[in-house]
């Protein structure tokens, strides 16, 4: 569960990091408030939220079990543990 959460956090922070790298590359004062005007921060936040939403769409479309499969829960067969799995 940690990897998907970390991925979403990284995608959200990506526009802010790229803007900070832009400020650093242009020799601007990175930590000054006037380098981070409110309209720009709003746009960075919108871009970040779009990235996160797009990653949710990609995750739901291209991951998970194939269509028509059935979940078989974990069980014991002949004294052996059989983990849960998706079966066609």
N, C-alpha and C. Protein backbone atom coordinates (compact mmCIF):
# COMPACT_ATOMS: atom_id res chain seq x y z
N UNK A 1 0.82 -1.20 0.00
CA UNK A 1 0.00 0.00 0.00
C UNK A 1 0.86 1.26 0.00
N UNK A 2 2.08 1.13 0.47
CA UNK A 2 2.95 2.30 0.55
C UNK A 2 3.37 2.78 -0.84
N UNK A 3 3.62 1.86 -1.76
CA UNK A 3 4.08 2.25 -3.09
C UNK A 3 3.04 3.06 -3.85
N UNK A 4 1.76 2.64 -3.90
CA UNK A 4 0.78 3.48 -4.61
C UNK A 4 0.61 4.86 -3.98
N UNK A 5 0.64 4.94 -2.67
CA UNK A 5 0.49 6.23 -2.00
C UNK A 5 1.71 7.11 -2.30
N UNK A 6 2.90 6.52 -2.25
CA UNK A 6 4.12 7.28 -2.55
C UNK A 6 4.12 7.75 -4.01
N UNK A 7 3.59 6.93 -4.90
CA UNK A 7 3.51 7.32 -6.31
C UNK A 7 2.59 8.52 -6.48
N UNK A 8 1.44 8.50 -5.83
CA UNK A 8 0.51 9.62 -5.95
C UNK A 8 1.08 10.90 -5.34
N UNK A 9 1.78 10.77 -4.22
CA UNK A 9 2.42 11.94 -3.60
C UNK A 9 3.49 12.50 -4.52
N UNK A 10 4.28 11.60 -5.13
CA UNK A 10 5.33 12.05 -6.05
C UNK A 10 4.73 12.75 -7.26
N UNK A 11 3.64 12.22 -7.79
CA UNK A 11 2.99 12.87 -8.94
C UNK A 11 2.43 14.23 -8.56
N UNK A 12 1.91 14.35 -7.34
CA UNK A 12 1.38 15.64 -6.91
C UNK A 12 2.51 16.67 -6.75
N UNK A 13 3.64 16.25 -6.22
CA UNK A 13 4.75 17.17 -5.98
C UNK A 13 5.56 17.50 -7.23
N UNK A 14 5.42 16.70 -8.28
CA UNK A 14 6.22 16.88 -9.48
C UNK A 14 6.16 18.29 -10.08
N UNK A 15 4.99 18.91 -10.28
CA UNK A 15 4.98 20.27 -10.85
C UNK A 15 5.70 21.28 -9.97
N UNK A 16 5.58 21.15 -8.65
CA UNK A 16 6.25 22.08 -7.74
C UNK A 16 7.77 21.91 -7.79
N UNK A 17 8.22 20.67 -7.88
CA UNK A 17 9.66 20.40 -7.98
C UNK A 17 10.20 20.93 -9.30
N UNK A 18 9.45 20.72 -10.39
CA UNK A 18 9.90 21.23 -11.68
C UNK A 18 9.96 22.75 -11.70
N UNK A 19 9.00 23.41 -11.07
CA UNK A 19 9.03 24.87 -10.99
C UNK A 19 10.21 25.33 -10.12
N UNK A 20 10.47 24.63 -9.04
CA UNK A 20 11.61 24.97 -8.19
C UNK A 20 12.92 24.80 -8.97
N UNK A 21 13.01 23.75 -9.78
CA UNK A 21 14.20 23.57 -10.62
C UNK A 21 14.32 24.69 -11.66
N UNK A 22 13.19 25.13 -12.20
CA UNK A 22 13.19 26.25 -13.13
C UNK A 22 13.71 27.52 -12.45
N UNK A 23 13.23 27.78 -11.24
CA UNK A 23 13.69 28.96 -10.51
C UNK A 23 15.19 28.87 -10.23
N UNK A 24 15.64 27.69 -9.85
CA UNK A 24 17.07 27.50 -9.56
C UNK A 24 17.90 27.70 -10.83
N UNK A 25 17.40 27.16 -11.96
CA UNK A 25 18.14 27.27 -13.23
C UNK A 25 18.20 28.70 -13.73
N UNK A 26 17.19 29.50 -13.42
CA UNK A 26 17.19 30.88 -13.88
C UNK A 26 17.79 31.84 -12.85
N UNK A 27 18.42 31.30 -11.84
CA UNK A 27 19.11 32.08 -10.82
C UNK A 27 18.14 32.93 -9.99
N UNK A 28 16.88 32.55 -9.96
CA UNK A 28 15.90 33.28 -9.15
C UNK A 28 16.04 32.85 -7.68
N UNK A 29 15.56 33.69 -6.81
CA UNK A 29 15.60 33.36 -5.39
C UNK A 29 14.50 32.35 -5.10
N UNK A 30 14.88 31.14 -4.88
CA UNK A 30 13.95 30.02 -4.74
C UNK A 30 13.04 30.15 -3.53
N UNK A 31 13.56 30.64 -2.42
CA UNK A 31 12.80 30.67 -1.18
C UNK A 31 12.09 31.99 -0.92
N UNK A 32 12.16 32.92 -1.85
CA UNK A 32 11.45 34.19 -1.67
C UNK A 32 10.00 34.02 -2.06
N UNK A 33 9.12 34.67 -1.31
CA UNK A 33 7.69 34.54 -1.58
C UNK A 33 7.28 35.15 -2.92
N UNK A 34 7.99 36.17 -3.37
CA UNK A 34 7.60 36.78 -4.64
C UNK A 34 7.95 35.89 -5.84
N UNK A 35 8.73 34.85 -5.64
CA UNK A 35 9.00 33.88 -6.71
C UNK A 35 7.87 32.86 -6.84
N UNK A 36 6.99 32.82 -5.85
CA UNK A 36 5.87 31.88 -5.83
C UNK A 36 4.55 32.66 -5.73
N UNK A 37 4.18 33.42 -6.76
CA UNK A 37 2.91 34.17 -6.69
C UNK A 37 1.71 33.22 -6.63
N UNK A 38 0.65 33.70 -6.00
CA UNK A 38 -0.53 32.87 -5.78
C UNK A 38 -1.12 32.31 -7.07
N UNK A 39 -1.27 33.09 -8.14
CA UNK A 39 -1.83 32.48 -9.37
C UNK A 39 -0.97 31.33 -9.90
N UNK A 40 0.33 31.46 -9.80
CA UNK A 40 1.20 30.38 -10.27
C UNK A 40 1.07 29.15 -9.39
N UNK A 41 0.96 29.33 -8.09
CA UNK A 41 0.79 28.21 -7.18
C UNK A 41 -0.55 27.52 -7.44
N UNK A 42 -1.58 28.31 -7.75
CA UNK A 42 -2.89 27.73 -8.07
C UNK A 42 -2.78 26.87 -9.33
N UNK A 43 -2.10 27.38 -10.36
CA UNK A 43 -1.94 26.60 -11.58
C UNK A 43 -1.11 25.35 -11.34
N UNK A 44 -0.07 25.45 -10.55
CA UNK A 44 0.72 24.26 -10.21
C UNK A 44 -0.13 23.23 -9.48
N UNK A 45 -1.00 23.69 -8.60
CA UNK A 45 -1.89 22.78 -7.88
C UNK A 45 -2.88 22.12 -8.83
N UNK A 46 -3.42 22.88 -9.76
CA UNK A 46 -4.35 22.31 -10.75
C UNK A 46 -3.65 21.25 -11.59
N UNK A 47 -2.44 21.55 -12.05
CA UNK A 47 -1.68 20.58 -12.84
C UNK A 47 -1.40 19.33 -12.00
N UNK A 48 -1.05 19.52 -10.74
CA UNK A 48 -0.77 18.39 -9.86
C UNK A 48 -2.01 17.51 -9.68
N UNK A 49 -3.17 18.13 -9.49
CA UNK A 49 -4.40 17.37 -9.31
C UNK A 49 -4.79 16.63 -10.60
N UNK A 50 -4.54 17.25 -11.75
CA UNK A 50 -4.81 16.58 -13.02
C UNK A 50 -3.90 15.36 -13.19
N UNK A 51 -2.63 15.50 -12.82
CA UNK A 51 -1.71 14.36 -12.88
C UNK A 51 -2.18 13.22 -11.98
N UNK A 52 -2.60 13.53 -10.78
CA UNK A 52 -3.07 12.50 -9.85
C UNK A 52 -4.34 11.85 -10.39
N UNK A 53 -5.27 12.64 -10.90
CA UNK A 53 -6.51 12.08 -11.46
C UNK A 53 -6.21 11.20 -12.67
N UNK A 54 -5.30 11.64 -13.51
CA UNK A 54 -4.93 10.83 -14.68
C UNK A 54 -4.28 9.52 -14.25
N UNK A 55 -3.48 9.56 -13.21
CA UNK A 55 -2.87 8.31 -12.75
C UNK A 55 -3.92 7.36 -12.19
N UNK A 56 -4.97 7.89 -11.55
CA UNK A 56 -6.06 7.03 -11.08
C UNK A 56 -6.77 6.36 -12.26
N UNK A 57 -7.00 7.13 -13.33
CA UNK A 57 -7.66 6.57 -14.50
C UNK A 57 -6.79 5.48 -15.12
N UNK A 58 -5.51 5.75 -15.28
CA UNK A 58 -4.59 4.75 -15.85
C UNK A 58 -4.54 3.51 -14.96
N UNK A 59 -4.52 3.71 -13.66
CA UNK A 59 -4.48 2.58 -12.73
C UNK A 59 -5.72 1.71 -12.86
N UNK A 60 -6.89 2.32 -12.96
CA UNK A 60 -8.11 1.53 -13.06
C UNK A 60 -8.26 0.86 -14.42
N UNK A 61 -7.75 1.48 -15.47
CA UNK A 61 -7.89 0.92 -16.81
C UNK A 61 -6.92 -0.21 -17.09
N UNK A 62 -5.70 -0.10 -16.58
CA UNK A 62 -4.64 -1.02 -17.00
C UNK A 62 -4.11 -1.91 -15.89
N UNK A 63 -4.81 -2.02 -14.79
CA UNK A 63 -4.37 -2.94 -13.74
C UNK A 63 -5.57 -3.75 -13.27
N UNK A 64 -5.29 -4.72 -12.45
CA UNK A 64 -6.37 -5.54 -11.92
C UNK A 64 -6.52 -6.82 -12.72
N UNK A 65 -7.56 -7.53 -12.40
CA UNK A 65 -7.82 -8.83 -13.02
C UNK A 65 -8.42 -8.65 -14.41
N UNK A 66 -8.21 -9.63 -15.27
CA UNK A 66 -8.82 -9.56 -16.60
C UNK A 66 -10.34 -9.67 -16.52
N UNK A 67 -11.04 -9.14 -17.50
CA UNK A 67 -12.51 -9.22 -17.48
C UNK A 67 -12.99 -10.68 -17.47
N UNK A 68 -14.03 -10.93 -16.72
CA UNK A 68 -14.61 -12.26 -16.66
C UNK A 68 -13.95 -13.20 -15.68
N UNK A 69 -12.92 -12.75 -14.99
CA UNK A 69 -12.25 -13.64 -14.04
C UNK A 69 -13.02 -13.66 -12.72
N UNK A 70 -12.77 -14.71 -11.95
CA UNK A 70 -13.45 -14.91 -10.68
C UNK A 70 -12.41 -15.03 -9.57
N UNK A 71 -12.67 -14.39 -8.45
CA UNK A 71 -11.75 -14.48 -7.31
C UNK A 71 -12.02 -15.76 -6.54
N UNK A 72 -10.97 -16.53 -6.31
CA UNK A 72 -11.04 -17.72 -5.47
C UNK A 72 -10.30 -17.37 -4.18
N UNK A 73 -11.00 -17.32 -3.04
CA UNK A 73 -10.35 -16.90 -1.81
C UNK A 73 -9.32 -17.93 -1.32
N UNK A 74 -8.45 -17.47 -0.43
CA UNK A 74 -7.45 -18.36 0.16
C UNK A 74 -8.16 -19.50 0.89
N UNK A 75 -7.57 -20.69 0.80
CA UNK A 75 -8.17 -21.85 1.44
C UNK A 75 -7.10 -22.91 1.69
N UNK A 76 -7.51 -23.98 2.35
CA UNK A 76 -6.62 -25.10 2.66
C UNK A 76 -7.03 -26.29 1.79
N UNK A 77 -6.07 -26.86 1.05
CA UNK A 77 -6.30 -28.07 0.26
C UNK A 77 -5.28 -29.11 0.68
N UNK A 78 -5.75 -30.24 1.12
CA UNK A 78 -4.87 -31.35 1.53
C UNK A 78 -3.84 -30.89 2.55
N UNK A 79 -4.24 -30.05 3.46
CA UNK A 79 -3.35 -29.57 4.51
C UNK A 79 -2.39 -28.49 4.07
N UNK A 80 -2.49 -28.02 2.83
CA UNK A 80 -1.59 -26.99 2.30
C UNK A 80 -2.39 -25.70 2.10
N UNK A 81 -1.75 -24.60 2.43
CA UNK A 81 -2.37 -23.29 2.25
C UNK A 81 -2.29 -22.91 0.78
N UNK A 82 -3.43 -22.56 0.19
CA UNK A 82 -3.49 -22.09 -1.20
C UNK A 82 -3.92 -20.63 -1.15
N UNK A 83 -3.05 -19.70 -1.58
CA UNK A 83 -3.42 -18.28 -1.52
C UNK A 83 -4.55 -17.94 -2.48
N UNK A 84 -5.24 -16.87 -2.20
CA UNK A 84 -6.31 -16.40 -3.07
C UNK A 84 -5.75 -15.99 -4.42
N UNK A 85 -6.56 -16.17 -5.47
CA UNK A 85 -6.11 -15.84 -6.82
C UNK A 85 -7.32 -15.57 -7.70
N UNK A 86 -7.05 -14.95 -8.83
CA UNK A 86 -8.07 -14.71 -9.84
C UNK A 86 -7.96 -15.85 -10.85
N UNK A 87 -9.08 -16.46 -11.18
CA UNK A 87 -9.10 -17.57 -12.13
C UNK A 87 -10.01 -17.20 -13.30
N UNK A 88 -9.63 -17.64 -14.47
CA UNK A 88 -10.42 -17.40 -15.68
C UNK A 88 -11.56 -18.39 -15.78
